[in-house]
Amino acid sequence: MTHRFDVTVYYEDTDMGGIVYHANYLKFIERARSDWVRGLGVDQNMLRDGGLVFAVRRVEADFLGPARLDDRLEVETEVLSATGARIELGQKIRSGGKTLFRAKVQLVAMDPAGGVRRLPAELRARIA
């Protein structure tokens, strides 16, 4: 299943030329991931209180075209794979049907001290 999340490019997201600053693409895909998890019915505050957090372990990013001030963007998120403690997602940012950015993001489940934790079975089932 593909999750979709809409973003509008604001002035604060751009450089002096009105083009989205490269690091902000990572912010856009982070917001989309948070919305995706929320859409699964997962309360990340409850997970954290129970000793489980997600951390980004790896990001492979391709910048394919510029997004500009006032553009309406759509961030697509899909699960590529999942194991006991790891989730790999594919994310794309599109505008007007054109892909501007794509990334593979590897998340790991961790305890607050930084140790790897297994994903709860219920969460693995929701992801699948």
N, C-alpha and C. Protein backbone atom coordinates (compact mmCIF):
# COMPACT_ATOMS: atom_id res chain seq x y z
N MET A 1 0.84 -1.17 0.00
CA MET A 1 0.00 0.00 0.00
C MET A 1 0.89 1.25 0.00
N THR A 2 0.51 2.23 -0.78
CA THR A 2 1.25 3.49 -0.84
C THR A 2 0.52 4.55 -0.03
N HIS A 3 1.26 5.19 0.86
CA HIS A 3 0.72 6.28 1.66
C HIS A 3 1.08 7.60 0.96
N ARG A 4 0.13 8.52 0.96
CA ARG A 4 0.36 9.82 0.32
C ARG A 4 0.20 10.94 1.35
N PHE A 5 1.08 11.92 1.25
CA PHE A 5 1.10 13.04 2.18
C PHE A 5 1.38 14.31 1.39
N ASP A 6 0.54 15.32 1.54
CA ASP A 6 0.70 16.56 0.80
C ASP A 6 1.52 17.58 1.58
N VAL A 7 2.36 18.31 0.85
CA VAL A 7 3.21 19.36 1.42
C VAL A 7 3.12 20.57 0.50
N THR A 8 3.03 21.75 1.09
CA THR A 8 3.14 22.99 0.33
C THR A 8 4.50 23.59 0.63
N VAL A 9 5.19 24.05 -0.39
CA VAL A 9 6.50 24.68 -0.21
C VAL A 9 6.30 26.12 0.23
N TYR A 10 6.83 26.43 1.41
CA TYR A 10 6.76 27.78 1.95
C TYR A 10 8.09 28.50 1.76
N TYR A 11 8.07 29.79 1.94
CA TYR A 11 9.26 30.61 1.79
C TYR A 11 10.41 30.07 2.64
N GLU A 12 10.11 29.67 3.86
CA GLU A 12 11.16 29.17 4.77
C GLU A 12 11.83 27.89 4.26
N ASP A 13 11.20 27.19 3.33
CA ASP A 13 11.75 25.94 2.78
C ASP A 13 12.75 26.19 1.66
N THR A 14 12.84 27.44 1.19
CA THR A 14 13.60 27.72 -0.02
C THR A 14 14.88 28.51 0.25
N ASP A 15 15.73 28.51 -0.76
CA ASP A 15 16.91 29.37 -0.73
C ASP A 15 16.55 30.71 -1.36
N MET A 16 17.53 31.56 -1.56
CA MET A 16 17.24 32.90 -2.11
C MET A 16 16.69 32.85 -3.53
N GLY A 17 16.92 31.74 -4.23
CA GLY A 17 16.42 31.61 -5.59
C GLY A 17 15.01 31.05 -5.66
N GLY A 18 14.40 30.78 -4.49
CA GLY A 18 13.04 30.25 -4.47
C GLY A 18 12.97 28.76 -4.71
N ILE A 19 14.11 28.06 -4.61
CA ILE A 19 14.17 26.60 -4.81
C ILE A 19 14.33 25.95 -3.44
N VAL A 20 13.67 24.82 -3.25
CA VAL A 20 13.73 24.12 -1.96
C VAL A 20 15.17 23.74 -1.64
N TYR A 21 15.60 24.13 -0.45
CA TYR A 21 16.92 23.79 0.07
C TYR A 21 17.00 22.28 0.24
N HIS A 22 18.11 21.67 -0.15
CA HIS A 22 18.20 20.21 -0.24
C HIS A 22 17.85 19.49 1.06
N ALA A 23 18.25 20.01 2.21
CA ALA A 23 17.98 19.33 3.48
C ALA A 23 16.49 19.28 3.80
N ASN A 24 15.71 20.18 3.23
CA ASN A 24 14.28 20.21 3.52
C ASN A 24 13.52 19.03 2.90
N TYR A 25 14.08 18.42 1.86
CA TYR A 25 13.46 17.21 1.33
C TYR A 25 13.43 16.13 2.41
N LEU A 26 14.49 16.06 3.22
CA LEU A 26 14.52 15.09 4.31
C LEU A 26 13.44 15.40 5.35
N LYS A 27 13.19 16.67 5.59
CA LYS A 27 12.11 17.05 6.51
C LYS A 27 10.75 16.64 5.95
N PHE A 28 10.56 16.85 4.66
CA PHE A 28 9.29 16.49 4.04
C PHE A 28 9.03 14.98 4.14
N ILE A 29 10.06 14.16 3.88
CA ILE A 29 9.83 12.72 3.95
C ILE A 29 9.69 12.25 5.39
N GLU A 30 10.31 12.96 6.34
CA GLU A 30 10.13 12.64 7.76
C GLU A 30 8.68 12.89 8.18
N ARG A 31 8.12 14.01 7.77
CA ARG A 31 6.72 14.30 8.09
C ARG A 31 5.80 13.23 7.50
N ALA A 32 6.10 12.82 6.28
CA ALA A 32 5.29 11.79 5.63
C ALA A 32 5.39 10.47 6.38
N ARG A 33 6.59 10.11 6.85
CA ARG A 33 6.74 8.86 7.62
C ARG A 33 5.95 8.92 8.92
N SER A 34 6.00 10.06 9.60
CA SER A 34 5.23 10.21 10.84
C SER A 34 3.74 10.07 10.57
N ASP A 35 3.28 10.66 9.48
CA ASP A 35 1.86 10.56 9.12
C ASP A 35 1.51 9.12 8.74
N TRP A 36 2.42 8.43 8.07
CA TRP A 36 2.21 7.02 7.69
C TRP A 36 2.04 6.16 8.95
N VAL A 37 2.93 6.33 9.93
CA VAL A 37 2.83 5.56 11.18
C VAL A 37 1.52 5.87 11.89
N ARG A 38 1.16 7.14 11.96
CA ARG A 38 -0.10 7.55 12.59
C ARG A 38 -1.28 6.90 11.86
N GLY A 39 -1.19 6.84 10.53
CA GLY A 39 -2.24 6.22 9.74
C GLY A 39 -2.37 4.73 9.96
N LEU A 40 -1.30 4.11 10.43
CA LEU A 40 -1.36 2.69 10.78
C LEU A 40 -2.06 2.47 12.13
N GLY A 41 -2.39 3.57 12.81
CA GLY A 41 -3.01 3.47 14.12
C GLY A 41 -2.00 3.33 15.24
N VAL A 42 -0.76 3.74 14.98
CA VAL A 42 0.31 3.60 15.96
C VAL A 42 0.53 4.95 16.64
N ASP A 43 0.51 4.94 17.96
CA ASP A 43 0.79 6.15 18.74
C ASP A 43 2.27 6.11 19.13
N GLN A 44 3.08 6.95 18.48
CA GLN A 44 4.52 6.91 18.74
C GLN A 44 4.87 7.36 20.16
N ASN A 45 4.02 8.19 20.77
CA ASN A 45 4.26 8.56 22.17
C ASN A 45 4.12 7.34 23.07
N MET A 46 3.10 6.50 22.80
CA MET A 46 2.92 5.28 23.59
C MET A 46 4.07 4.30 23.35
N LEU A 47 4.52 4.20 22.10
CA LEU A 47 5.67 3.34 21.82
C LEU A 47 6.88 3.79 22.62
N ARG A 48 7.15 5.10 22.59
CA ARG A 48 8.31 5.63 23.32
C ARG A 48 8.18 5.37 24.82
N ASP A 49 6.97 5.60 25.35
CA ASP A 49 6.74 5.34 26.78
C ASP A 49 6.94 3.87 27.11
N GLY A 50 6.71 3.00 26.12
CA GLY A 50 6.92 1.56 26.30
C GLY A 50 8.34 1.12 25.98
N GLY A 51 9.22 2.09 25.68
CA GLY A 51 10.62 1.75 25.47
C GLY A 51 11.01 1.45 24.03
N LEU A 52 10.21 1.91 23.05
CA LEU A 52 10.53 1.64 21.65
C LEU A 52 10.47 2.94 20.86
N VAL A 53 11.55 3.21 20.12
CA VAL A 53 11.59 4.36 19.24
C VAL A 53 12.14 3.91 17.89
N PHE A 54 11.87 4.71 16.86
CA PHE A 54 12.43 4.45 15.54
C PHE A 54 13.59 5.41 15.31
N ALA A 55 14.62 4.92 14.67
CA ALA A 55 15.75 5.77 14.30
C ALA A 55 16.08 5.49 12.83
N VAL A 56 16.44 6.56 12.13
CA VAL A 56 16.89 6.40 10.75
C VAL A 56 18.33 5.91 10.79
N ARG A 57 18.56 4.78 10.15
CA ARG A 57 19.91 4.21 10.10
C ARG A 57 20.62 4.59 8.81
N ARG A 58 19.86 4.67 7.73
CA ARG A 58 20.46 4.93 6.43
C ARG A 58 19.46 5.63 5.52
N VAL A 59 19.96 6.56 4.72
CA VAL A 59 19.16 7.22 3.70
C VAL A 59 19.98 7.26 2.42
N GLU A 60 19.39 6.79 1.34
CA GLU A 60 19.96 6.95 0.00
C GLU A 60 19.03 7.89 -0.74
N ALA A 61 19.54 9.03 -1.15
CA ALA A 61 18.68 10.06 -1.74
C ALA A 61 19.14 10.45 -3.14
N ASP A 62 18.17 10.66 -4.01
CA ASP A 62 18.41 11.15 -5.36
C ASP A 62 17.59 12.42 -5.58
N PHE A 63 18.28 13.51 -5.89
CA PHE A 63 17.63 14.77 -6.19
C PHE A 63 17.48 14.85 -7.71
N LEU A 64 16.24 14.81 -8.18
CA LEU A 64 15.98 14.67 -9.60
C LEU A 64 15.51 15.96 -10.27
N GLY A 65 14.98 16.87 -9.50
CA GLY A 65 14.48 18.13 -10.05
C GLY A 65 14.13 19.07 -8.92
N PRO A 66 14.05 20.36 -9.20
CA PRO A 66 13.79 21.33 -8.14
C PRO A 66 12.30 21.48 -7.82
N ALA A 67 12.03 21.65 -6.55
CA ALA A 67 10.71 22.11 -6.10
C ALA A 67 10.88 23.59 -5.79
N ARG A 68 9.82 24.34 -6.00
CA ARG A 68 9.91 25.80 -5.88
C ARG A 68 8.84 26.34 -4.93
N LEU A 69 9.05 27.56 -4.53
CA LEU A 69 8.12 28.27 -3.66
C LEU A 69 6.69 28.11 -4.16
N ASP A 70 5.78 27.76 -3.25
CA ASP A 70 4.35 27.59 -3.49
C ASP A 70 3.97 26.32 -4.23
N ASP A 71 4.94 25.48 -4.59
CA ASP A 71 4.59 24.19 -5.21
C ASP A 71 3.79 23.35 -4.22
N ARG A 72 2.86 22.59 -4.76
CA ARG A 72 2.14 21.57 -3.99
C ARG A 72 2.82 20.25 -4.29
N LEU A 73 3.35 19.61 -3.26
CA LEU A 73 4.08 18.37 -3.41
C LEU A 73 3.29 17.22 -2.81
N GLU A 74 3.52 16.05 -3.35
CA GLU A 74 2.94 14.83 -2.79
C GLU A 74 4.10 13.90 -2.46
N VAL A 75 4.13 13.46 -1.21
CA VAL A 75 5.15 12.51 -0.77
C VAL A 75 4.50 11.13 -0.71
N GLU A 76 5.08 10.19 -1.44
CA GLU A 76 4.60 8.81 -1.44
C GLU A 76 5.55 7.96 -0.61
N THR A 77 4.97 7.12 0.23
CA THR A 77 5.76 6.23 1.08
C THR A 77 5.24 4.82 0.90
N GLU A 78 6.17 3.88 0.69
CA GLU A 78 5.78 2.47 0.60
C GLU A 78 6.82 1.61 1.29
N VAL A 79 6.36 0.52 1.86
CA VAL A 79 7.26 -0.42 2.51
C VAL A 79 7.93 -1.28 1.45
N LEU A 80 9.25 -1.30 1.48
CA LEU A 80 10.01 -2.15 0.56
C LEU A 80 10.32 -3.50 1.21
N SER A 81 10.64 -3.47 2.51
CA SER A 81 10.91 -4.71 3.24
C SER A 81 10.82 -4.43 4.73
N ALA A 82 10.64 -5.49 5.49
CA ALA A 82 10.60 -5.38 6.95
C ALA A 82 11.11 -6.68 7.55
N THR A 83 11.91 -6.54 8.59
CA THR A 83 12.39 -7.69 9.34
C THR A 83 11.98 -7.49 10.80
N GLY A 84 12.52 -8.27 11.67
CA GLY A 84 12.16 -8.17 13.08
C GLY A 84 12.42 -6.82 13.71
N ALA A 85 13.49 -6.14 13.28
CA ALA A 85 13.85 -4.86 13.90
C ALA A 85 14.09 -3.75 12.88
N ARG A 86 13.88 -4.03 11.60
CA ARG A 86 14.22 -3.05 10.56
C ARG A 86 13.08 -2.91 9.56
N ILE A 87 12.89 -1.69 9.09
CA ILE A 87 11.92 -1.40 8.04
C ILE A 87 12.64 -0.58 6.97
N GLU A 88 12.49 -0.99 5.72
CA GLU A 88 13.03 -0.20 4.62
C GLU A 88 11.88 0.37 3.82
N LEU A 89 11.90 1.68 3.64
CA LEU A 89 10.84 2.38 2.94
C LEU A 89 11.38 3.01 1.66
N GLY A 90 10.52 3.07 0.66
CA GLY A 90 10.78 3.86 -0.53
C GLY A 90 9.93 5.10 -0.44
N GLN A 91 10.53 6.26 -0.67
CA GLN A 91 9.78 7.51 -0.61
C GLN A 91 10.10 8.35 -1.85
N LYS A 92 9.06 8.97 -2.39
CA LYS A 92 9.19 9.85 -3.55
C LYS A 92 8.46 11.14 -3.27
N ILE A 93 9.02 12.21 -3.79
CA ILE A 93 8.34 13.50 -3.75
C ILE A 93 8.03 13.86 -5.19
N ARG A 94 6.74 14.15 -5.43
CA ARG A 94 6.29 14.47 -6.79
C ARG A 94 5.59 15.82 -6.81
N SER A 95 5.64 16.43 -7.97
CA SER A 95 4.89 17.66 -8.21
C SER A 95 4.39 17.60 -9.65
N GLY A 96 3.09 17.74 -9.82
CA GLY A 96 2.52 17.70 -11.16
C GLY A 96 2.81 16.42 -11.90
N GLY A 97 2.87 15.31 -11.18
CA GLY A 97 3.15 14.02 -11.79
C GLY A 97 4.62 13.73 -12.04
N LYS A 98 5.49 14.70 -11.79
CA LYS A 98 6.92 14.52 -12.03
C LYS A 98 7.62 14.22 -10.71
N THR A 99 8.48 13.19 -10.71
CA THR A 99 9.25 12.84 -9.51
C THR A 99 10.44 13.79 -9.39
N LEU A 100 10.50 14.50 -8.25
CA LEU A 100 11.57 15.47 -8.00
C LEU A 100 12.65 14.91 -7.09
N PHE A 101 12.28 13.92 -6.26
CA PHE A 101 13.19 13.39 -5.24
C PHE A 101 12.76 11.98 -4.93
N ARG A 102 13.72 11.11 -4.71
CA ARG A 102 13.38 9.77 -4.23
C ARG A 102 14.44 9.32 -3.24
N ALA A 103 14.00 8.48 -2.31
CA ALA A 103 14.91 8.01 -1.27
C ALA A 103 14.53 6.61 -0.83
N LYS A 104 15.54 5.87 -0.40
CA LYS A 104 15.35 4.63 0.35
C LYS A 104 15.77 4.95 1.77
N VAL A 105 14.89 4.65 2.70
CA VAL A 105 15.14 4.98 4.10
C VAL A 105 15.07 3.70 4.92
N GLN A 106 16.11 3.44 5.67
CA GLN A 106 16.13 2.27 6.55
C GLN A 106 15.93 2.75 7.99
N LEU A 107 14.87 2.24 8.61
CA LEU A 107 14.57 2.54 10.01
C LEU A 107 14.88 1.33 10.86
N VAL A 108 15.33 1.57 12.08
CA VAL A 108 15.52 0.49 13.03
C VAL A 108 14.74 0.81 14.29
N ALA A 109 14.27 -0.24 14.95
CA ALA A 109 13.58 -0.10 16.23
C ALA A 109 14.64 -0.18 17.32
N MET A 110 14.55 0.77 18.26
CA MET A 110 15.56 0.84 19.32
C MET A 110 14.90 1.11 20.66
N ASP A 111 15.66 0.80 21.72
CA ASP A 111 15.24 1.22 23.05
C ASP A 111 15.85 2.60 23.30
N PRO A 112 15.42 3.30 24.35
CA PRO A 112 15.92 4.66 24.58
C PRO A 112 17.43 4.75 24.78
N ALA A 113 18.08 3.65 25.16
CA ALA A 113 19.54 3.65 25.36
C ALA A 113 20.29 3.39 24.06
N GLY A 114 19.57 3.12 22.97
CA GLY A 114 20.23 2.89 21.69
C GLY A 114 20.41 1.45 21.31
N GLY A 115 19.88 0.54 22.10
CA GLY A 115 19.94 -0.89 21.76
C GLY A 115 18.85 -1.27 20.78
N VAL A 116 19.16 -2.20 19.90
CA VAL A 116 18.18 -2.66 18.91
C VAL A 116 17.08 -3.45 19.60
N ARG A 117 15.85 -3.21 19.19
CA ARG A 117 14.68 -3.92 19.71
C ARG A 117 13.90 -4.52 18.56
N ARG A 118 13.23 -5.61 18.84
CA ARG A 118 12.34 -6.20 17.83
C ARG A 118 11.05 -5.39 17.78
N LEU A 119 10.51 -5.31 16.58
CA LEU A 119 9.21 -4.67 16.42
C LEU A 119 8.14 -5.57 17.04
N PRO A 120 7.18 -5.00 17.75
CA PRO A 120 6.08 -5.81 18.28
C PRO A 120 5.34 -6.50 17.13
N ALA A 121 4.88 -7.72 17.39
CA ALA A 121 4.18 -8.51 16.36
C ALA A 121 2.99 -7.75 15.77
N GLU A 122 2.25 -7.05 16.60
CA GLU A 122 1.09 -6.30 16.12
C GLU A 122 1.51 -5.21 15.12
N LEU A 123 2.62 -4.55 15.40
CA LEU A 123 3.11 -3.51 14.49
C LEU A 123 3.62 -4.12 13.20
N ARG A 124 4.33 -5.24 13.29
CA ARG A 124 4.79 -5.94 12.07
C ARG A 124 3.61 -6.32 11.20
N ALA A 125 2.53 -6.77 11.82
CA ALA A 125 1.33 -7.16 11.05
C ALA A 125 0.72 -5.94 10.36
N ARG A 126 0.69 -4.80 11.02
CA ARG A 126 0.13 -3.59 10.41
C ARG A 126 0.99 -3.12 9.24
N ILE A 127 2.29 -3.27 9.36
CA ILE A 127 3.20 -2.85 8.30
C ILE A 127 3.04 -3.76 7.08
N ALA A 128 2.89 -5.05 7.34
CA ALA A 128 2.74 -6.01 6.24
C ALA A 128 1.41 -5.79 5.58
